[in-house]
Structures are given as C-alpha cells and as structure tokens.
Amino acid sequence: MSSKTDDARTAADAPPAHGPAPGPTQDPANTINSLEDLEALYGEPLARSLVKEIDHINAHYRRFIEHSPFVVIASCGPEGLDCSPRGDPPGFVRVHDDRTVLIPDRRGNNRIDTLRNIIRDPRISLLFLVPGAGETLRINGRASIRVDPALLESFSIQGKPPRSVLEVSVDRVYFQCQKALARSRLWQPEAQVAKGTLPSAGQILQALSTSGFDGEAYDRDYPEHMRKTIY
C-alpha cells in the first residue's frame, strides 16, 4: 500500500465529534428491505469488480496465498455462524492445485466451532491478509476435514503435526481493493494500539467468571504456556 495513500489519512480525517452519535430510527422508510431498493441505493457494480472473480486459483492469486501468514475462516452451522483466525509462517495455506487449498488445523482450545460447522455444512469463506499489502484475497468454497497421516506429517512444525487439515474445494476467488486497509491504516506503526489500552485476556476471563478466576495469574503465566503449546 503506497505511503502517499497512508500519509493522506490524518487525525483531521476522523469524523467530527458532536456529542452522542445517533442510532437508527424506527421509521420503516429508513430500512432497505428489497434488492431493488438496495441496487437503486448503490448503483451498478464496476466492471473491474466483476472481472476479478474467477473459479480457480491463477498465478497471481497463488502468489498472494503463498505470502499470507494469516487467514480468517467463516463458516455456518445449525448453531449459527463462526469467524475464526488461523496463522502460521507465510505460505502455511498450501495450494494443492488450482482448485484446492489445504489448511492445517493446529492445537487450540478445542471449541472447534469451525470444524463442527463444516461437518454439518461444508460451505466456507476465506479472507487472506498479507502484512504490508493493501489488497486482501477471498476464496469461497466447500471444506472437508482430512486426517491422512502422511498429509498431517507434511504440515509438521517443530516436529508436531496438526490435528487435521481442511481440504477446501474452490468455488470462487477474487481480491478486494485497498480501500478498507487504507481507511483503517492497519499496517501503519503509528496506528497500533498502545499496550494497556485494551483489557487483557485474564481481565476479561476474570470479569466473566463466577468461580473466582485469577486473571492476574493467567496473564502472568500465559506467555510461557503459549511458548510450550503454540505447536
């Protein structure tokens, strides 16, 4: 993403503060309920926004996947929707062929919301990010959960294979332009939130717990726990 675009965004670009922000009204006339009204509001899609969508992974999209260390997986099931991050060294999502990608599922908290959804509904959507890149890449497809021993072993890091691998059959692939990341200044160092601005995981868990959870101890011990269990 160009520095010219990033530098143009300053504090003066932020919306002005004029007291409490208004919420939505109850007037039905202020709600869009039909495709006709929606299309009238936004107009026709730009031609380039349609031509970028294809049904396979071409050479350009493959390079994006191979440089991405982070993907978000959206899934759906009887209990509702889920959106879950996955991260590993760049290229951890393997392009098996132009219509298939493979994603290792490493150890976590065993909620396995994404995997539970896939068992009941294989449809998923992937959003790839590459640090420093303004564009994002999206894949829509269908997933299955694979446990082939040789496949798992091929994804080993620090001698530890993933529990399973998601095999994603690609339906549609396309990139998203830079506007969202330019507006958010996501990759700009000065936009990073200072440590202590947000509540820690321990503070959140202690506030939500009814069993005397020790949030301070959790925060103190977690770095070592993560070091031992990250793979």
C-alpha atoms as a PDB file:
ATOM      1  CA  MET A   1       0.000   0.000   0.000  1.00  0.00           C
ATOM      2  CA  SER A   2       1.518   3.303  -1.042  1.00  0.00           C
ATOM      3  CA  SER A   3       2.804   5.732   1.563  1.00  0.00           C
ATOM      4  CA  LYS A   4       1.060   8.546  -0.312  1.00  0.00           C
ATOM      5  CA  THR A   5      -2.303   6.959   0.405  1.00  0.00           C
ATOM      6  CA  ASP A   6      -1.406   6.310   4.030  1.00  0.00           C
ATOM      7  CA  ASP A   7       0.035   9.757   4.687  1.00  0.00           C
ATOM      8  CA  ALA A   8      -3.120  11.390   3.355  1.00  0.00           C
ATOM      9  CA  ARG A   9      -5.038   9.971   6.295  1.00  0.00           C
ATOM     10  CA  THR A  10      -4.577  12.215   9.361  1.00  0.00           C
ATOM     11  CA  ALA A  11      -6.425  12.943  12.550  1.00  0.00           C
ATOM     12  CA  ALA A  12      -8.310  15.637  10.675  1.00  0.00           C
ATOM     13  CA  ASP A  13      -9.878  12.916   8.523  1.00  0.00           C
ATOM     14  CA  ALA A  14     -11.692  11.407  11.503  1.00  0.00           C
ATOM     15  CA  PRO A  15     -15.432  12.140  11.814  1.00  0.00           C
ATOM     16  CA  PRO A  16     -16.074  15.236  13.962  1.00  0.00           C
ATOM     17  CA  ALA A  17     -17.383  14.695  17.471  1.00  0.00           C
ATOM     18  CA  HIS A  18     -20.730  16.386  18.116  1.00  0.00           C
ATOM     19  CA  GLY A  19     -21.964  14.629  21.219  1.00  0.00           C
ATOM     20  CA  PRO A  20     -23.548  11.153  21.257  1.00  0.00           C
ATOM     21  CA  ALA A  21     -23.747   9.528  17.847  1.00  0.00           C
ATOM     22  CA  PRO A  22     -27.307   8.998  16.579  1.00  0.00           C
ATOM     23  CA  GLY A  23     -28.701   5.490  16.386  1.00  0.00           C
ATOM     24  CA  PRO A  24     -31.049   4.012  13.789  1.00  0.00           C
ATOM     25  CA  THR A  25     -34.625   5.238  13.853  1.00  0.00           C
ATOM     26  CA  GLN A  26     -37.719   3.041  13.917  1.00  0.00           C
ATOM     27  CA  ASP A  27     -39.058   4.513  10.686  1.00  0.00           C
ATOM     28  CA  PRO A  28     -39.557   1.628   8.191  1.00  0.00           C
ATOM     29  CA  ALA A  29     -38.797   4.057   5.372  1.00  0.00           C
ATOM     30  CA  ASN A  30     -35.186   4.153   6.597  1.00  0.00           C
ATOM     31  CA  THR A  31     -34.660   0.398   6.170  1.00  0.00           C
ATOM     32  CA  ILE A  32     -33.652  -1.279   2.909  1.00  0.00           C
ATOM     33  CA  ASN A  33     -35.696  -4.461   2.515  1.00  0.00           C
ATOM     34  CA  SER A  34     -35.523  -5.332  -1.177  1.00  0.00           C
ATOM     35  CA  LEU A  35     -32.835  -5.981  -3.752  1.00  0.00           C
ATOM     36  CA  GLU A  36     -34.406  -3.325  -5.956  1.00  0.00           C
ATOM     37  CA  ASP A  37     -34.026  -0.665  -3.265  1.00  0.00           C
ATOM     38  CA  LEU A  38     -30.514  -1.854  -2.478  1.00  0.00           C
ATOM     39  CA  GLU A  39     -29.393  -1.681  -6.097  1.00  0.00           C
ATOM     40  CA  ALA A  40     -31.016   1.724  -6.510  1.00  0.00           C
ATOM     41  CA  LEU A  41     -29.043   2.978  -3.498  1.00  0.00           C
ATOM     42  CA  TYR A  42     -25.644   1.674  -4.630  1.00  0.00           C
ATOM     43  CA  GLY A  43     -25.917   1.547  -8.412  1.00  0.00           C
ATOM     44  CA  GLU A  44     -24.311  -0.918 -10.792  1.00  0.00           C
ATOM     45  CA  PRO A  45     -21.095  -2.723  -9.786  1.00  0.00           C
ATOM     46  CA  LEU A  46     -17.938  -1.551 -11.515  1.00  0.00           C
ATOM     47  CA  ALA A  47     -16.869  -3.797 -14.377  1.00  0.00           C
ATOM     48  CA  ARG A  48     -13.459  -4.406 -12.816  1.00  0.00           C
ATOM     49  CA  SER A  49     -15.131  -5.668  -9.627  1.00  0.00           C
ATOM     50  CA  LEU A  50     -16.702  -8.480 -11.651  1.00  0.00           C
ATOM     51  CA  VAL A  51     -13.830  -9.448 -13.936  1.00  0.00           C
ATOM     52  CA  LYS A  52     -11.529 -10.114 -10.957  1.00  0.00           C
ATOM     53  CA  GLU A  53     -13.729 -13.024  -9.773  1.00  0.00           C
ATOM     54  CA  ILE A  54     -12.784 -16.426 -11.185  1.00  0.00           C
ATOM     55  CA  ASP A  55     -13.433 -20.077 -10.342  1.00  0.00           C
ATOM     56  CA  HIS A  56      -9.825 -21.153  -9.828  1.00  0.00           C
ATOM     57  CA  ILE A  57      -6.505 -20.022  -8.360  1.00  0.00           C
ATOM     58  CA  ASN A  58      -4.426 -18.383 -11.071  1.00  0.00           C
ATOM     59  CA  ALA A  59      -0.731 -17.496 -10.826  1.00  0.00           C
ATOM     60  CA  HIS A  60      -1.374 -14.054  -9.312  1.00  0.00           C
ATOM     61  CA  TYR A  61      -3.776 -15.306  -6.661  1.00  0.00           C
ATOM     62  CA  ARG A  62      -1.426 -18.178  -5.856  1.00  0.00           C
ATOM     63  CA  ARG A  63       1.379 -15.733  -5.048  1.00  0.00           C
ATOM     64  CA  PHE A  64      -0.900 -13.907  -2.641  1.00  0.00           C
ATOM     65  CA  ILE A  65      -1.777 -17.132  -0.792  1.00  0.00           C
ATOM     66  CA  GLU A  66       1.873 -18.194  -0.650  1.00  0.00           C
ATOM     67  CA  HIS A  67       2.851 -14.901   1.014  1.00  0.00           C
ATOM     68  CA  SER A  68      -0.014 -14.833   3.519  1.00  0.00           C
ATOM     69  CA  PRO A  69       0.637 -15.746   7.181  1.00  0.00           C
ATOM     70  CA  PHE A  70      -2.967 -15.097   8.245  1.00  0.00           C
ATOM     71  CA  VAL A  71      -6.406 -16.218   7.079  1.00  0.00           C
ATOM     72  CA  VAL A  72      -9.877 -15.820   8.572  1.00  0.00           C
ATOM     73  CA  ILE A  73     -12.314 -18.708   8.063  1.00  0.00           C
ATOM     74  CA  ALA A  74     -16.058 -18.033   8.026  1.00  0.00           C
ATOM     75  CA  SER A  75     -18.421 -20.987   8.408  1.00  0.00           C
ATOM     76  CA  CYS A  76     -22.054 -21.687   9.226  1.00  0.00           C
ATOM     77  CA  GLY A  77     -23.964 -24.425  11.007  1.00  0.00           C
ATOM     78  CA  PRO A  78     -27.170 -25.189  12.927  1.00  0.00           C
ATOM     79  CA  GLU A  79     -25.912 -23.264  15.970  1.00  0.00           C
ATOM     80  CA  GLY A  80     -25.122 -20.183  13.919  1.00  0.00           C
ATOM     81  CA  LEU A  81     -22.143 -18.523  12.266  1.00  0.00           C
ATOM     82  CA  ASP A  82     -18.454 -18.538  13.110  1.00  0.00           C
ATOM     83  CA  CYS A  83     -15.454 -16.497  12.006  1.00  0.00           C
ATOM     84  CA  SER A  84     -12.104 -17.843  13.145  1.00  0.00           C
ATOM     85  CA  PRO A  85      -8.486 -16.711  12.551  1.00  0.00           C
ATOM     86  CA  ARG A  86      -5.644 -19.004  11.535  1.00  0.00           C
ATOM     87  CA  GLY A  87      -1.988 -18.042  11.443  1.00  0.00           C
ATOM     88  CA  ASP A  88       1.385 -19.634  10.723  1.00  0.00           C
ATOM     89  CA  PRO A  89       4.507 -18.784   8.720  1.00  0.00           C
ATOM     90  CA  PRO A  90       3.754 -17.351   5.245  1.00  0.00           C
ATOM     91  CA  GLY A  91       2.533 -19.995   2.838  1.00  0.00           C
ATOM     92  CA  PHE A  92       1.056 -22.217   5.545  1.00  0.00           C
ATOM     93  CA  VAL A  93      -2.097 -22.487   3.426  1.00  0.00           C
ATOM     94  CA  ARG A  94      -0.936 -24.853   0.713  1.00  0.00           C
ATOM     95  CA  VAL A  95      -2.146 -24.522  -2.861  1.00  0.00           C
ATOM     96  CA  HIS A  96      -2.572 -28.180  -3.817  1.00  0.00           C
ATOM     97  CA  ASP A  97      -3.832 -27.367  -7.309  1.00  0.00           C
ATOM     98  CA  ASP A  98      -5.722 -24.535  -8.984  1.00  0.00           C
ATOM     99  CA  ARG A  99      -8.998 -25.588  -7.353  1.00  0.00           C
ATOM    100  CA  THR A 100      -7.842 -26.869  -3.960  1.00  0.00           C
ATOM    101  CA  VAL A 101      -6.143 -25.379  -0.904  1.00  0.00           C
ATOM    102  CA  LEU A 102      -5.108 -27.170   2.277  1.00  0.00           C
ATOM    103  CA  ILE A 103      -5.183 -25.514   5.719  1.00  0.00           C
ATOM    104  CA  PRO A 104      -3.589 -27.121   8.801  1.00  0.00           C
ATOM    105  CA  ASP A 105      -5.703 -27.002  11.958  1.00  0.00           C
ATOM    106  CA  ARG A 106      -3.337 -26.770  14.896  1.00  0.00           C
ATOM    107  CA  ARG A 107      -3.954 -27.184  18.603  1.00  0.00           C
ATOM    108  CA  GLY A 108      -6.199 -24.641  20.294  1.00  0.00           C
ATOM    109  CA  ASN A 109      -8.887 -24.528  22.952  1.00  0.00           C
ATOM    110  CA  ASN A 110     -10.884 -27.446  21.485  1.00  0.00           C
ATOM    111  CA  ARG A 111     -14.049 -25.437  20.916  1.00  0.00           C
ATOM    112  CA  ILE A 112     -13.599 -26.445  17.246  1.00  0.00           C
ATOM    113  CA  ASP A 113     -16.558 -24.272  16.212  1.00  0.00           C
ATOM    114  CA  THR A 114     -15.356 -24.107  12.608  1.00  0.00           C
ATOM    115  CA  LEU A 115     -14.926 -27.867  12.340  1.00  0.00           C
ATOM    116  CA  ARG A 116     -18.306 -28.566  13.931  1.00  0.00           C
ATOM    117  CA  ASN A 117     -19.912 -26.300  11.361  1.00  0.00           C
ATOM    118  CA  ILE A 118     -18.096 -27.926   8.446  1.00  0.00           C
ATOM    119  CA  ILE A 119     -19.338 -31.377   9.480  1.00  0.00           C
ATOM    120  CA  ARG A 120     -22.921 -30.130   9.039  1.00  0.00           C
ATOM    121  CA  ASP A 121     -22.422 -27.532   6.291  1.00  0.00           C
ATOM    122  CA  PRO A 122     -19.243 -27.606   4.175  1.00  0.00           C
ATOM    123  CA  ARG A 123     -19.582 -24.054   2.831  1.00  0.00           C
ATOM    124  CA  ILE A 124     -16.824 -21.715   3.978  1.00  0.00           C
ATOM    125  CA  SER A 125     -15.278 -18.397   3.040  1.00  0.00           C
ATOM    126  CA  LEU A 126     -11.619 -17.439   3.475  1.00  0.00           C
ATOM    127  CA  LEU A 127     -10.083 -13.981   3.837  1.00  0.00           C
ATOM    128  CA  PHE A 128      -6.291 -13.782   3.385  1.00  0.00           C
ATOM    129  CA  LEU A 129      -4.144 -10.891   4.630  1.00  0.00           C
ATOM    130  CA  VAL A 130      -0.502 -10.168   3.804  1.00  0.00           C
ATOM    131  CA  PRO A 131       1.305  -7.718   6.135  1.00  0.00           C
ATOM    132  CA  GLY A 132       2.007  -4.504   4.266  1.00  0.00           C
ATOM    133  CA  ALA A 133      -0.282  -5.335   1.338  1.00  0.00           C
ATOM    134  CA  GLY A 134      -3.395  -3.234   0.803  1.00  0.00           C
ATOM    135  CA  GLU A 135      -5.350  -5.886  -1.046  1.00  0.00           C
ATOM    136  CA  THR A 136      -6.978  -8.890   0.586  1.00  0.00           C
ATOM    137  CA  LEU A 137      -7.865 -12.174  -1.111  1.00  0.00           C
ATOM    138  CA  ARG A 138     -11.122 -14.056  -0.724  1.00  0.00           C
ATOM    139  CA  ILE A 139     -11.974 -17.668  -1.501  1.00  0.00           C
ATOM    140  CA  ASN A 140     -15.452 -19.145  -1.296  1.00  0.00           C
ATOM    141  CA  GLY A 141     -15.713 -22.910  -1.381  1.00  0.00           C
ATOM    142  CA  ARG A 142     -16.543 -26.158   0.372  1.00  0.00           C
ATOM    143  CA  ALA A 143     -14.391 -27.847   3.002  1.00  0.00           C
ATOM    144  CA  SER A 144     -13.801 -31.348   4.302  1.00  0.00           C
ATOM    145  CA  ILE A 145     -11.722 -32.442   7.302  1.00  0.00           C
ATOM    146  CA  ARG A 146      -8.792 -34.713   6.416  1.00  0.00           C
ATOM    147  CA  VAL A 147      -6.662 -36.811   8.773  1.00  0.00           C
ATOM    148  CA  ASP A 148      -4.427 -38.654   6.282  1.00  0.00           C
ATOM    149  CA  PRO A 149      -1.262 -39.462   8.317  1.00  0.00           C
ATOM    150  CA  ALA A 150       1.180 -38.524   5.554  1.00  0.00           C
ATOM    151  CA  LEU A 151      -0.700 -35.297   4.859  1.00  0.00           C
ATOM    152  CA  LEU A 152      -0.671 -34.306   8.539  1.00  0.00           C
ATOM    153  CA  GLU A 153       3.034 -35.061   8.812  1.00  0.00           C
ATOM    154  CA  SER A 154       3.793 -32.850   5.809  1.00  0.00           C
ATOM    155  CA  PHE A 155       2.454 -29.856   7.771  1.00  0.00           C
ATOM    156  CA  SER A 156       4.581 -30.520  10.886  1.00  0.00           C
ATOM    157  CA  ILE A 157       6.249 -27.592  12.630  1.00  0.00           C
ATOM    158  CA  GLN A 158       8.703 -28.189  15.484  1.00  0.00           C
ATOM    159  CA  GLY A 159       8.069 -31.897  14.951  1.00  0.00           C
ATOM    160  CA  LYS A 160       4.352 -31.550  15.674  1.00  0.00           C
ATOM    161  CA  PRO A 161       1.715 -32.219  13.002  1.00  0.00           C
ATOM    162  CA  PRO A 162      -1.710 -30.546  13.072  1.00  0.00           C
ATOM    163  CA  ARG A 163      -4.715 -32.454  14.402  1.00  0.00           C
ATOM    164  CA  SER A 164      -6.404 -32.236  10.995  1.00  0.00           C
ATOM    165  CA  VAL A 165      -6.194 -30.475   7.642  1.00  0.00           C
ATOM    166  CA  LEU A 166      -9.021 -28.645   5.923  1.00  0.00           C
ATOM    167  CA  GLU A 167      -9.291 -29.515   2.247  1.00  0.00           C
ATOM    168  CA  VAL A 168     -11.046 -26.595   0.561  1.00  0.00           C
ATOM    169  CA  SER A 169     -12.535 -27.045  -2.891  1.00  0.00           C
ATOM    170  CA  VAL A 170     -12.548 -23.625  -4.542  1.00  0.00           C
ATOM    171  CA  ASP A 171     -15.758 -22.202  -5.990  1.00  0.00           C
ATOM    172  CA  ARG A 172     -14.829 -18.528  -6.387  1.00  0.00           C
ATOM    173  CA  VAL A 173     -11.640 -16.474  -5.899  1.00  0.00           C
ATOM    174  CA  TYR A 174     -11.187 -12.714  -6.027  1.00  0.00           C
ATOM    175  CA  PHE A 175      -9.213  -9.896  -4.463  1.00  0.00           C
ATOM    176  CA  GLN A 176     -10.529  -6.902  -2.542  1.00  0.00           C
ATOM    177  CA  CYS A 177      -9.106  -3.452  -3.275  1.00  0.00           C
ATOM    178  CA  GLN A 178      -7.023  -1.369  -0.848  1.00  0.00           C
ATOM    179  CA  LYS A 179      -9.720   0.970   0.451  1.00  0.00           C
ATOM    180  CA  ALA A 180     -10.603  -0.860   3.679  1.00  0.00           C
ATOM    181  CA  LEU A 181      -6.983  -1.230   4.799  1.00  0.00           C
ATOM    182  CA  ALA A 182      -6.119   2.303   3.678  1.00  0.00           C
ATOM    183  CA  ARG A 183      -9.002   3.741   5.707  1.00  0.00           C
ATOM    184  CA  SER A 184      -8.098   1.680   8.760  1.00  0.00           C
ATOM    185  CA  ARG A 185      -4.324   2.298   8.407  1.00  0.00           C
ATOM    186  CA  LEU A 186      -3.979  -1.263   9.633  1.00  0.00           C
ATOM    187  CA  TRP A 187      -0.306  -1.677   8.754  1.00  0.00           C
ATOM    188  CA  GLN A 188       0.871   1.751   9.941  1.00  0.00           C
ATOM    189  CA  PRO A 189       3.018   1.654  13.123  1.00  0.00           C
ATOM    190  CA  GLU A 190       1.500   4.882  14.449  1.00  0.00           C
ATOM    191  CA  ALA A 191      -1.962   3.321  14.262  1.00  0.00           C
ATOM    192  CA  GLN A 192      -1.044   0.463  16.610  1.00  0.00           C
ATOM    193  CA  VAL A 193      -2.850   0.467  19.955  1.00  0.00           C
ATOM    194  CA  ALA A 194      -0.588   1.049  22.952  1.00  0.00           C
ATOM    195  CA  LYS A 195      -0.143  -1.819  25.385  1.00  0.00           C
ATOM    196  CA  GLY A 196      -2.586  -1.497  28.262  1.00  0.00           C
ATOM    197  CA  THR A 197      -5.239   0.289  26.212  1.00  0.00           C
ATOM    198  CA  LEU A 198      -7.332  -2.867  25.954  1.00  0.00           C
ATOM    199  CA  PRO A 199      -8.265  -5.254  28.763  1.00  0.00           C
ATOM    200  CA  SER A 200      -6.059  -8.338  28.952  1.00  0.00           C
ATOM    201  CA  ALA A 201      -7.377 -11.855  28.384  1.00  0.00           C
ATOM    202  CA  GLY A 202      -7.043 -12.511  32.102  1.00  0.00           C
ATOM    203  CA  GLN A 203      -9.061  -9.416  32.990  1.00  0.00           C
ATOM    204  CA  ILE A 204     -11.835 -10.420  30.596  1.00  0.00           C
ATOM    205  CA  LEU A 205     -11.961 -14.008  31.869  1.00  0.00           C
ATOM    206  CA  GLN A 206     -11.991 -12.871  35.490  1.00  0.00           C
ATOM    207  CA  ALA A 207     -14.839 -10.435  34.813  1.00  0.00           C
ATOM    208  CA  LEU A 208     -16.903 -13.156  33.126  1.00  0.00           C
ATOM    209  CA  SER A 209     -16.099 -15.964  35.554  1.00  0.00           C
ATOM    210  CA  THR A 210     -18.290 -16.924  38.503  1.00  0.00           C
ATOM    211  CA  SER A 211     -15.690 -19.229  40.083  1.00  0.00           C
ATOM    212  CA  GLY A 212     -13.021 -16.862  41.391  1.00  0.00           C
ATOM    213  CA  PHE A 213     -10.821 -16.959  38.289  1.00  0.00           C
ATOM    214  CA  ASP A 214      -7.394 -15.391  38.894  1.00  0.00           C
ATOM    215  CA  GLY A 215      -6.912 -13.147  35.882  1.00  0.00           C
ATOM    216  CA  GLU A 216      -3.594 -11.741  37.068  1.00  0.00           C
ATOM    217  CA  ALA A 217      -2.099 -15.225  37.385  1.00  0.00           C
ATOM    218  CA  TYR A 218      -3.443 -16.137  33.959  1.00  0.00           C
ATOM    219  CA  ASP A 219      -1.812 -13.129  32.319  1.00  0.00           C
ATOM    220  CA  ARG A 220       1.451 -13.786  34.155  1.00  0.00           C
ATOM    221  CA  ASP A 221       1.632 -17.459  33.172  1.00  0.00           C
ATOM    222  CA  TYR A 222       0.226 -17.272  29.650  1.00  0.00           C
ATOM    223  CA  PRO A 223       3.416 -16.304  27.747  1.00  0.00           C
ATOM    224  CA  GLU A 224       5.157 -19.444  28.996  1.00  0.00           C
ATOM    225  CA  HIS A 225       2.042 -21.535  28.337  1.00  0.00           C
ATOM    226  CA  MET A 226       1.871 -20.246  24.773  1.00  0.00           C
ATOM    227  CA  ARG A 227       5.566 -20.902  24.228  1.00  0.00           C
ATOM    228  CA  LYS A 228       5.087 -24.533  25.241  1.00  0.00           C
ATOM    229  CA  THR A 229       1.808 -25.161  23.438  1.00  0.00           C
ATOM    230  CA  ILE A 230       1.847 -22.960  20.320  1.00  0.00           C
ATOM    231  CA  TYR A 231       2.525 -26.121  18.284  1.00  0.00           C
END
